[in-house]
Amino acid sequence: MTKQRFGAPAAGVPAAGVPATGAPAAGFFWHERCFWHDPGAIGVFSAPGAFLQPQPASESPESKRRLKNLLEVSGLIDELVVRKAPPAERIDLERFHTTGYLEALEAGDRVRGGDAGEGAPYQPGSLAAARQSAGLALAAVEAVATGELPAAYALCRPPGHHAEADRGRGFCLLGNIPVAVMRARARGQVGRVAILDWDVHHGNGQQAAFYAEPEVFTVSLHQAGNYPLGSGAFEEQGEGRGQGACLNLPLPPGCGLGAYAQAMESLVLPALEAFRPELIVVACGFDACAKDPLGKMLLNSEAFAAMTRQVKALAERVCRGRLVLVHEGGYSEGYVPLCGHAAIQALVGSDIAVPDPQNDEIAAWDYQDLQPHQRALIDDWRERWFAISSPASRPPQDHRESNP
């Protein structure tokens, strides 16, 4: 077997190659309101049932709150520019979402809540949290796109990468990233944008939002056949002028350090570089970690740090370092904070690390090395992808609104 995999430094030891401290600070956007969203007692399921004993929802506030708490306790938060942000306004939401959907959400929020579409339960008060979550993404993208901050992390909740124009899906009520990217482009703050989604589930929301748009390149690295069903095949590559600006890598269940390293190094990073974006946004889910109840992948915290370092280095080469990480899924309340801290440490280039007691253990599991079937699949995708025309060759378009 091939031994290619992400590195696994000893717990608590800064990774090699991390830039020295003293670099311009990255932003950290959060708000307590986001933690108050209540999906109801549905456990790991999409809805309650007669034989399902009520339990807290998998999409709970604790993984996010614990991440912020860990940043406080470690002191890493002191190396960040910490900001709140106003909630998203209706004009911003309507760039992506239909008026009918937003009105239905508002009506449900006034009474008893419900399901925003498919597996997106909400209660009264959830819409305020969702608007706040979208507001964090809006502010983070704007601050980086305009050069006010070099990079940013938005601790969004509810997540957004499954939400579609006319419905919520998979715990997501509003499309945080599409809303933020559409406003930044409409205001002329940025042109070409690449969106990389490494959440374990397919980034169908970003794909749907920009499927015919040649200047927004959406890349999704996800577990095949998980959620949404029937979504995220390699053959889904955009349509019209957007053909070739959508890349899906549906990895088979059980992929670990070697497979993700191969996918990133041989296809994801070269494809992003060929596109030459002016801004990179990462849909930063941590549910591809080995401890997640809703995914079947095998990553440790160092893998997320490694991917962050790789994308940061790419951003420094092609778009003056402009990089935004937007929090998405991740349902292990104990392990997500360690993954998130590692990613944010890499984003900042800080020496402040926290020990992950399971990082090396996970790295030592069998089948972490690149398996032959994984290599064959990724190599096939690479050959087929670079055989099609590159979206980088298409001329830029002006999508600014006359009255942003």
Protein backbone atom coordinates (compact mmCIF):
# COMPACT_ATOMS: atom_id res chain seq x y z
CA MET A 1 0.00 0.00 0.00
CA THR A 2 1.03 3.57 -0.65
CA LYS A 3 2.14 5.38 2.51
CA GLN A 4 1.00 8.83 1.39
CA ARG A 5 -1.00 10.47 4.15
CA PHE A 6 -1.22 13.67 6.13
CA GLY A 7 1.42 14.16 8.80
CA ALA A 8 0.60 13.44 12.43
CA PRO A 9 2.77 15.57 14.74
CA ALA A 10 2.80 14.73 18.42
CA ALA A 11 -0.05 16.20 20.37
CA GLY A 12 0.63 19.74 21.53
CA VAL A 13 3.59 20.28 19.18
CA PRO A 14 3.16 22.97 16.50
CA ALA A 15 3.22 21.60 12.97
CA ALA A 16 6.28 22.28 10.88
CA GLY A 17 5.99 25.09 8.39
CA VAL A 18 3.44 27.11 10.34
CA PRO A 19 4.25 30.79 9.82
CA ALA A 20 5.72 32.62 12.79
CA THR A 21 3.41 34.53 15.08
CA GLY A 22 3.14 38.25 14.53
CA ALA A 23 1.46 37.94 11.14
CA PRO A 24 -1.71 40.02 10.57
CA ALA A 25 -4.53 38.60 12.68
CA ALA A 26 -7.39 36.61 11.23
CA GLY A 27 -10.96 37.38 12.20
CA PHE A 28 -13.18 35.20 14.36
CA PHE A 29 -16.90 35.83 13.94
CA TRP A 30 -19.40 34.40 16.41
CA HIS A 31 -22.60 35.25 18.26
CA GLU A 32 -24.38 33.67 21.22
CA ARG A 33 -27.69 33.88 19.33
CA CYS A 34 -26.52 31.09 17.03
CA PHE A 35 -26.28 28.68 19.97
CA TRP A 36 -29.96 29.25 20.83
CA HIS A 37 -31.36 27.55 17.72
CA ASP A 38 -33.39 24.52 18.83
CA PRO A 39 -34.02 21.76 16.25
CA GLY A 40 -36.02 19.76 18.78
CA ALA A 41 -35.49 16.29 20.23
CA ILE A 42 -34.82 14.21 17.13
CA GLY A 43 -31.49 12.52 17.94
CA VAL A 44 -29.62 11.33 14.85
CA PHE A 45 -32.87 11.06 12.90
CA SER A 46 -34.60 13.58 10.64
CA ALA A 47 -37.86 13.45 12.62
CA PRO A 48 -39.20 12.04 15.90
CA GLY A 49 -41.10 8.75 15.97
CA ALA A 50 -43.27 6.58 18.21
CA PHE A 51 -40.40 4.20 18.97
CA LEU A 52 -37.61 6.78 19.11
CA GLN A 53 -37.00 7.87 22.67
CA PRO A 54 -36.48 11.66 22.62
CA GLN A 55 -32.90 12.81 22.86
CA PRO A 56 -31.03 16.01 22.00
CA ALA A 57 -30.59 16.58 18.27
CA SER A 58 -27.28 15.65 16.67
CA GLU A 59 -27.03 19.23 15.40
CA SER A 60 -26.67 20.70 18.86
CA PRO A 61 -25.03 23.92 20.03
CA GLU A 62 -22.45 22.14 22.16
CA SER A 63 -19.86 21.27 19.51
CA LYS A 64 -19.73 24.92 18.50
CA ARG A 65 -19.90 26.37 22.01
CA ARG A 66 -17.17 23.98 23.16
CA LEU A 67 -14.99 25.08 20.23
CA LYS A 68 -15.28 28.72 21.28
CA ASN A 69 -14.65 27.75 24.90
CA LEU A 70 -11.52 25.83 23.90
CA LEU A 71 -10.21 28.86 22.02
CA GLU A 72 -10.75 30.92 25.17
CA VAL A 73 -9.05 28.42 27.47
CA SER A 74 -6.04 27.86 25.20
CA GLY A 75 -5.57 31.57 24.59
CA LEU A 76 -5.73 31.22 20.81
CA ILE A 77 -8.72 33.53 20.73
CA ASP A 78 -6.42 36.34 21.88
CA GLU A 79 -4.56 36.07 18.58
CA LEU A 80 -7.80 36.59 16.64
CA VAL A 81 -9.81 39.70 15.84
CA VAL A 82 -13.06 38.73 17.57
CA ARG A 83 -16.20 40.25 16.09
CA LYS A 84 -19.95 40.01 16.26
CA ALA A 85 -22.02 40.90 13.22
CA PRO A 86 -25.57 42.03 12.51
CA PRO A 87 -28.07 39.43 11.28
CA ALA A 88 -28.56 39.06 7.55
CA GLU A 89 -31.17 41.39 6.08
CA ARG A 90 -33.96 40.32 3.77
CA ILE A 91 -32.32 41.92 0.72
CA ASP A 92 -29.23 39.78 1.26
CA LEU A 93 -31.19 36.57 1.75
CA GLU A 94 -33.27 37.17 -1.38
CA ARG A 95 -30.21 37.09 -3.61
CA PHE A 96 -30.29 33.32 -3.07
CA HIS A 97 -33.59 32.34 -1.46
CA THR A 98 -37.06 32.70 -2.93
CA THR A 99 -39.49 35.15 -1.38
CA GLY A 100 -41.98 32.33 -0.85
CA TYR A 101 -39.52 30.27 1.16
CA LEU A 102 -38.52 33.17 3.38
CA GLU A 103 -42.15 34.05 4.01
CA ALA A 104 -42.90 30.44 4.94
CA LEU A 105 -40.00 30.43 7.39
CA GLU A 106 -41.24 33.65 8.95
CA ALA A 107 -44.77 32.27 9.27
CA GLY A 108 -43.54 29.07 10.91
CA ASP A 109 -41.31 31.04 13.25
CA ARG A 110 -44.33 32.99 14.50
CA VAL A 111 -46.22 29.86 15.49
CA ARG A 112 -44.76 26.41 16.24
CA GLY A 113 -41.89 26.00 13.83
CA GLY A 114 -41.80 22.80 11.80
CA ASP A 115 -39.54 21.43 9.10
CA ALA A 116 -38.11 23.94 6.65
CA GLY A 117 -38.02 21.34 3.89
CA GLU A 118 -36.20 18.04 4.37
CA GLY A 119 -34.61 17.19 7.68
CA ALA A 120 -34.37 20.85 8.69
CA PRO A 121 -36.49 21.13 11.85
CA TYR A 122 -36.79 24.44 13.64
CA GLN A 123 -38.60 26.08 16.53
CA PRO A 124 -39.74 29.64 17.22
CA GLY A 125 -36.56 31.69 17.52
CA SER A 126 -34.64 29.56 15.05
CA LEU A 127 -35.04 32.07 12.25
CA ALA A 128 -33.32 34.74 14.34
CA ALA A 129 -30.43 32.33 14.89
CA ALA A 130 -30.31 31.45 11.18
CA ARG A 131 -30.28 35.12 10.16
CA GLN A 132 -27.51 35.70 12.69
CA SER A 133 -25.57 32.72 11.29
CA ALA A 134 -25.86 34.08 7.76
CA GLY A 135 -24.84 37.49 9.09
CA LEU A 136 -21.59 36.04 10.44
CA ALA A 137 -20.76 34.59 7.02
CA LEU A 138 -21.66 37.86 5.33
CA ALA A 139 -19.40 39.88 7.62
CA ALA A 140 -16.49 37.44 7.42
CA VAL A 141 -16.55 37.27 3.62
CA GLU A 142 -16.86 41.04 3.29
CA ALA A 143 -13.98 41.74 5.69
CA VAL A 144 -11.66 39.43 3.76
CA ALA A 145 -12.89 40.30 0.28
CA THR A 146 -12.29 44.01 0.92
CA GLY A 147 -8.86 43.43 2.45
CA GLU A 148 -9.85 44.62 5.92
CA LEU A 149 -8.77 41.22 7.31
CA PRO A 150 -6.41 38.70 5.69
CA ALA A 151 -8.50 35.67 6.63
CA ALA A 152 -11.43 34.75 8.86
CA TYR A 153 -13.31 31.96 10.59
CA ALA A 154 -17.10 32.23 10.98
CA LEU A 155 -18.58 30.01 13.70
CA CYS A 156 -21.97 29.67 12.03
CA ARG A 157 -24.97 27.80 13.39
CA PRO A 158 -27.32 26.63 12.02
CA PRO A 159 -25.14 25.34 9.21
CA GLY A 160 -25.99 26.28 5.64
CA HIS A 161 -24.45 24.13 2.93
CA HIS A 162 -27.54 21.97 2.32
CA ALA A 163 -30.06 24.83 2.14
CA GLU A 164 -31.47 25.43 -1.33
CA ALA A 165 -33.20 28.46 -2.79
CA ASP A 166 -36.70 27.30 -1.92
CA ARG A 167 -36.21 24.95 1.04
CA GLY A 168 -34.07 23.97 3.96
CA ARG A 169 -32.35 20.59 4.06
CA GLY A 170 -30.18 18.57 6.39
CA PHE A 171 -30.21 20.84 9.49
CA CYS A 172 -29.67 23.91 7.25
CA LEU A 173 -32.20 26.75 7.07
CA LEU A 174 -30.36 29.48 5.15
CA GLY A 175 -27.50 29.20 2.67
CA ASN A 176 -24.80 31.03 4.62
CA ILE A 177 -22.07 30.77 1.99
CA PRO A 178 -24.19 31.43 -1.14
CA VAL A 179 -25.76 34.45 0.55
CA ALA A 180 -22.34 35.83 1.53
CA VAL A 181 -20.65 35.17 -1.79
CA MET A 182 -23.54 36.57 -3.81
CA ARG A 183 -23.52 39.84 -1.85
CA ALA A 184 -19.75 40.26 -2.10
CA ARG A 185 -19.90 39.73 -5.85
CA ALA A 186 -22.93 41.98 -6.26
CA ARG A 187 -21.12 44.79 -4.45
CA GLY A 188 -18.04 44.40 -6.62
CA GLN A 189 -15.89 43.34 -3.67
CA VAL A 190 -14.72 40.18 -5.43
CA GLY A 191 -15.11 38.48 -8.78
CA ARG A 192 -13.94 34.90 -9.08
CA VAL A 193 -14.63 32.83 -5.97
CA ALA A 194 -13.77 29.22 -5.20
CA ILE A 195 -15.82 27.34 -2.62
CA LEU A 196 -14.25 24.18 -1.19
CA ASP A 197 -16.56 22.01 0.90
CA TRP A 198 -14.88 19.27 2.97
CA ASP A 199 -17.92 18.50 5.10
CA VAL A 200 -18.60 14.74 4.99
CA HIS A 201 -21.92 15.43 3.23
CA HIS A 202 -22.29 16.80 -0.30
CA GLY A 203 -22.34 20.59 -0.59
CA ASN A 204 -25.52 20.59 -2.65
CA GLY A 205 -26.54 24.11 -1.62
CA GLN A 206 -23.46 25.81 -3.04
CA GLN A 207 -23.64 23.61 -6.12
CA ALA A 208 -27.26 24.56 -6.78
CA ALA A 209 -26.59 28.25 -6.17
CA PHE A 210 -23.76 28.51 -8.71
CA TYR A 211 -24.32 25.57 -11.07
CA ALA A 212 -24.56 27.80 -14.13
CA GLU A 213 -22.07 30.45 -12.94
CA PRO A 214 -18.62 30.24 -14.54
CA GLU A 215 -16.95 32.57 -12.05
CA VAL A 216 -17.77 30.60 -8.90
CA PHE A 217 -16.00 27.25 -8.72
CA THR A 218 -17.63 24.81 -6.28
CA VAL A 219 -15.66 21.79 -5.07
CA SER A 220 -17.13 19.18 -2.73
CA LEU A 221 -15.10 16.43 -1.08
CA HIS A 222 -17.65 14.14 0.57
CA GLN A 223 -18.67 10.61 1.49
CA ALA A 224 -20.44 9.00 -1.45
CA GLY A 225 -24.09 8.13 -1.04
CA ASN A 226 -24.53 9.72 2.36
CA TYR A 227 -26.56 12.95 2.22
CA PRO A 228 -28.35 14.09 0.21
CA LEU A 229 -29.10 10.80 -1.52
CA GLY A 230 -28.59 10.91 -5.27
CA SER A 231 -26.50 14.04 -5.05
CA GLY A 232 -22.83 14.86 -5.59
CA ALA A 233 -21.71 12.54 -8.38
CA PHE A 234 -18.47 13.31 -10.21
CA GLU A 235 -20.48 13.72 -13.41
CA GLU A 236 -22.26 16.78 -11.96
CA GLN A 237 -19.94 19.45 -13.37
CA GLY A 238 -22.13 22.49 -13.98
CA GLU A 239 -24.36 23.55 -16.82
CA GLY A 240 -24.40 26.19 -19.53
CA ARG A 241 -21.57 28.66 -19.13
CA GLY A 242 -20.92 27.08 -15.73
CA GLN A 243 -19.97 23.73 -17.26
CA GLY A 244 -16.63 22.75 -15.76
CA ALA A 245 -16.95 25.01 -12.71
CA CYS A 246 -18.29 22.30 -10.40
CA LEU A 247 -16.15 19.43 -9.10
CA ASN A 248 -17.47 16.61 -6.92
CA LEU A 249 -15.31 13.95 -5.31
CA PRO A 250 -17.65 11.35 -3.76
CA LEU A 251 -15.17 9.29 -1.75
CA PRO A 252 -16.17 5.78 -0.65
CA PRO A 253 -16.94 5.24 3.05
CA GLY A 254 -13.91 4.42 5.17
CA CYS A 255 -11.52 6.91 3.60
CA GLY A 256 -8.85 8.22 5.94
CA LEU A 257 -5.64 10.21 5.95
CA GLY A 258 -4.13 8.68 2.82
CA ALA A 259 -7.21 9.06 0.63
CA TYR A 260 -7.88 12.65 1.65
CA ALA A 261 -4.22 13.57 1.14
CA GLN A 262 -4.27 12.01 -2.33
CA ALA A 263 -7.49 13.76 -3.27
CA MET A 264 -6.26 17.14 -2.06
CA GLU A 265 -2.79 16.96 -3.57
CA SER A 266 -3.58 15.35 -6.91
CA LEU A 267 -6.89 16.99 -7.80
CA VAL A 268 -8.47 19.51 -5.41
CA LEU A 269 -5.51 21.87 -5.02
CA PRO A 270 -4.45 21.78 -8.70
CA ALA A 271 -8.04 22.40 -9.81
CA LEU A 272 -8.39 25.34 -7.44
CA GLU A 273 -5.09 26.81 -8.60
CA ALA A 274 -6.07 26.45 -12.25
CA PHE A 275 -9.25 28.42 -11.56
CA ARG A 276 -7.23 31.37 -10.13
CA PRO A 277 -9.85 32.62 -7.66
CA GLU A 278 -9.72 36.02 -5.99
CA LEU A 279 -11.14 34.54 -2.77
CA ILE A 280 -11.41 31.02 -1.35
CA VAL A 281 -14.25 30.07 0.98
CA VAL A 282 -14.17 26.73 2.79
CA ALA A 283 -17.36 25.06 3.96
CA CYS A 284 -15.59 23.77 7.04
CA GLY A 285 -17.42 20.74 8.37
CA PHE A 286 -15.70 18.41 10.81
CA ASP A 287 -17.98 15.41 10.34
CA ALA A 288 -15.38 13.55 8.28
CA CYS A 289 -13.60 12.99 11.59
CA ALA A 290 -13.34 9.44 12.91
CA LYS A 291 -15.56 10.24 15.91
CA ASP A 292 -18.60 11.58 14.04
CA PRO A 293 -21.94 9.75 14.40
CA LEU A 294 -23.22 10.82 10.97
CA GLY A 295 -20.16 10.07 8.83
CA LYS A 296 -18.03 7.04 8.09
CA MET A 297 -14.65 8.65 7.43
CA LEU A 298 -11.46 8.43 9.49
CA LEU A 299 -9.85 11.86 9.82
CA ASN A 300 -8.14 13.19 12.93
CA SER A 301 -7.67 16.79 14.03
CA GLU A 302 -4.28 17.06 12.29
CA ALA A 303 -5.90 16.20 8.96
CA PHE A 304 -8.10 19.30 9.19
CA ALA A 305 -5.06 21.37 10.17
CA ALA A 306 -3.14 19.98 7.20
CA MET A 307 -5.94 20.76 4.74
CA THR A 308 -6.21 24.27 6.17
CA ARG A 309 -2.46 24.80 5.74
CA GLN A 310 -2.63 23.54 2.17
CA VAL A 311 -5.50 25.83 1.22
CA LYS A 312 -3.90 28.76 3.04
CA ALA A 313 -0.66 28.27 1.10
CA LEU A 314 -2.64 28.12 -2.13
CA ALA A 315 -4.53 31.29 -1.23
CA GLU A 316 -1.25 33.07 -0.55
CA ARG A 317 -0.05 32.11 -4.03
CA VAL A 318 -3.15 32.96 -6.03
CA CYS A 319 -5.34 35.43 -4.15
CA ARG A 320 -3.20 37.38 -1.68
CA GLY A 321 -4.10 34.96 1.10
CA ARG A 322 -7.80 35.80 1.07
CA LEU A 323 -9.39 32.81 2.80
CA VAL A 324 -12.60 32.37 4.83
CA LEU A 325 -13.58 29.23 6.76
CA VAL A 326 -17.31 28.94 7.47
CA HIS A 327 -18.31 26.35 10.08
CA GLU A 328 -20.66 23.66 8.79
CA GLY A 329 -21.32 20.16 10.18
CA GLY A 330 -19.62 18.05 12.81
CA TYR A 331 -21.59 16.22 15.49
CA SER A 332 -19.07 14.88 17.98
CA GLU A 333 -19.35 17.31 20.87
CA GLY A 334 -16.04 16.11 22.28
CA TYR A 335 -13.94 15.88 19.14
CA VAL A 336 -15.15 18.77 16.97
CA PRO A 337 -13.55 21.37 19.29
CA LEU A 338 -10.14 19.72 18.85
CA CYS A 339 -10.56 19.62 15.07
CA GLY A 340 -11.74 23.22 14.97
CA HIS A 341 -8.92 24.46 17.18
CA ALA A 342 -6.36 22.70 14.97
CA ALA A 343 -7.85 24.28 11.83
CA ILE A 344 -7.97 27.76 13.34
CA GLN A 345 -4.41 27.41 14.65
CA ALA A 346 -3.32 26.58 11.09
CA LEU A 347 -5.36 29.47 9.67
CA VAL A 348 -3.70 31.93 12.06
CA GLY A 349 -0.22 30.41 11.92
CA SER A 350 -0.08 30.29 15.71
CA ASP A 351 2.16 28.38 18.07
CA ILE A 352 -0.75 27.83 20.46
CA ALA A 353 -1.73 24.18 20.25
CA VAL A 354 -3.84 21.95 22.47
CA PRO A 355 -3.16 18.24 22.97
CA ASP A 356 -5.44 15.86 21.08
CA PRO A 357 -5.27 12.58 23.01
CA GLN A 358 -6.65 10.60 20.07
CA ASN A 359 -4.85 12.21 17.14
CA ASP A 360 -2.02 9.67 16.98
CA GLU A 361 -4.27 6.75 17.86
CA ILE A 362 -6.60 7.52 14.96
CA ALA A 363 -3.62 7.97 12.64
CA ALA A 364 -2.38 4.49 13.62
CA TRP A 365 -5.63 2.71 12.73
CA ASP A 366 -5.54 0.16 9.94
CA TYR A 367 -6.66 1.37 6.50
CA GLN A 368 -5.42 4.91 7.08
CA ASP A 369 -2.94 4.47 4.23
CA LEU A 370 -4.13 5.12 0.70
CA GLN A 371 -5.86 1.92 -0.46
CA PRO A 372 -5.56 0.66 -4.05
CA HIS A 373 -9.27 1.16 -4.83
CA GLN A 374 -9.12 4.70 -3.46
CA ARG A 375 -6.06 5.56 -5.54
CA ALA A 376 -7.63 4.12 -8.70
CA LEU A 377 -10.82 6.14 -8.18
CA ILE A 378 -9.02 9.44 -7.48
CA ASP A 379 -6.58 8.94 -10.36
CA ASP A 380 -9.51 8.29 -12.70
CA TRP A 381 -11.22 11.47 -11.57
CA ARG A 382 -8.03 13.45 -12.08
CA GLU A 383 -7.54 12.17 -15.60
CA ARG A 384 -11.15 12.84 -16.55
CA TRP A 385 -11.29 16.26 -14.89
CA PHE A 386 -8.23 17.72 -16.55
CA ALA A 387 -9.39 16.36 -19.90
CA ILE A 388 -12.30 18.84 -19.89
CA SER A 389 -11.86 22.53 -20.60
CA SER A 390 -10.70 24.61 -17.65
CA PRO A 391 -13.07 27.30 -16.35
CA ALA A 392 -9.98 29.46 -15.81
CA SER A 393 -9.87 30.15 -19.54
CA ARG A 394 -13.22 31.91 -19.50
CA PRO A 395 -13.23 35.71 -19.42
CA PRO A 396 -14.47 37.43 -16.24
CA GLN A 397 -17.98 38.90 -16.15
CA ASP A 398 -19.31 41.91 -14.29
CA HIS A 399 -22.11 40.82 -11.93
CA ARG A 400 -22.29 43.94 -9.79
CA GLU A 401 -25.72 45.35 -9.04
CA SER A 402 -26.46 48.88 -10.13
CA ASN A 403 -27.62 49.72 -6.58
CA PRO A 404 -25.86 47.31 -4.19
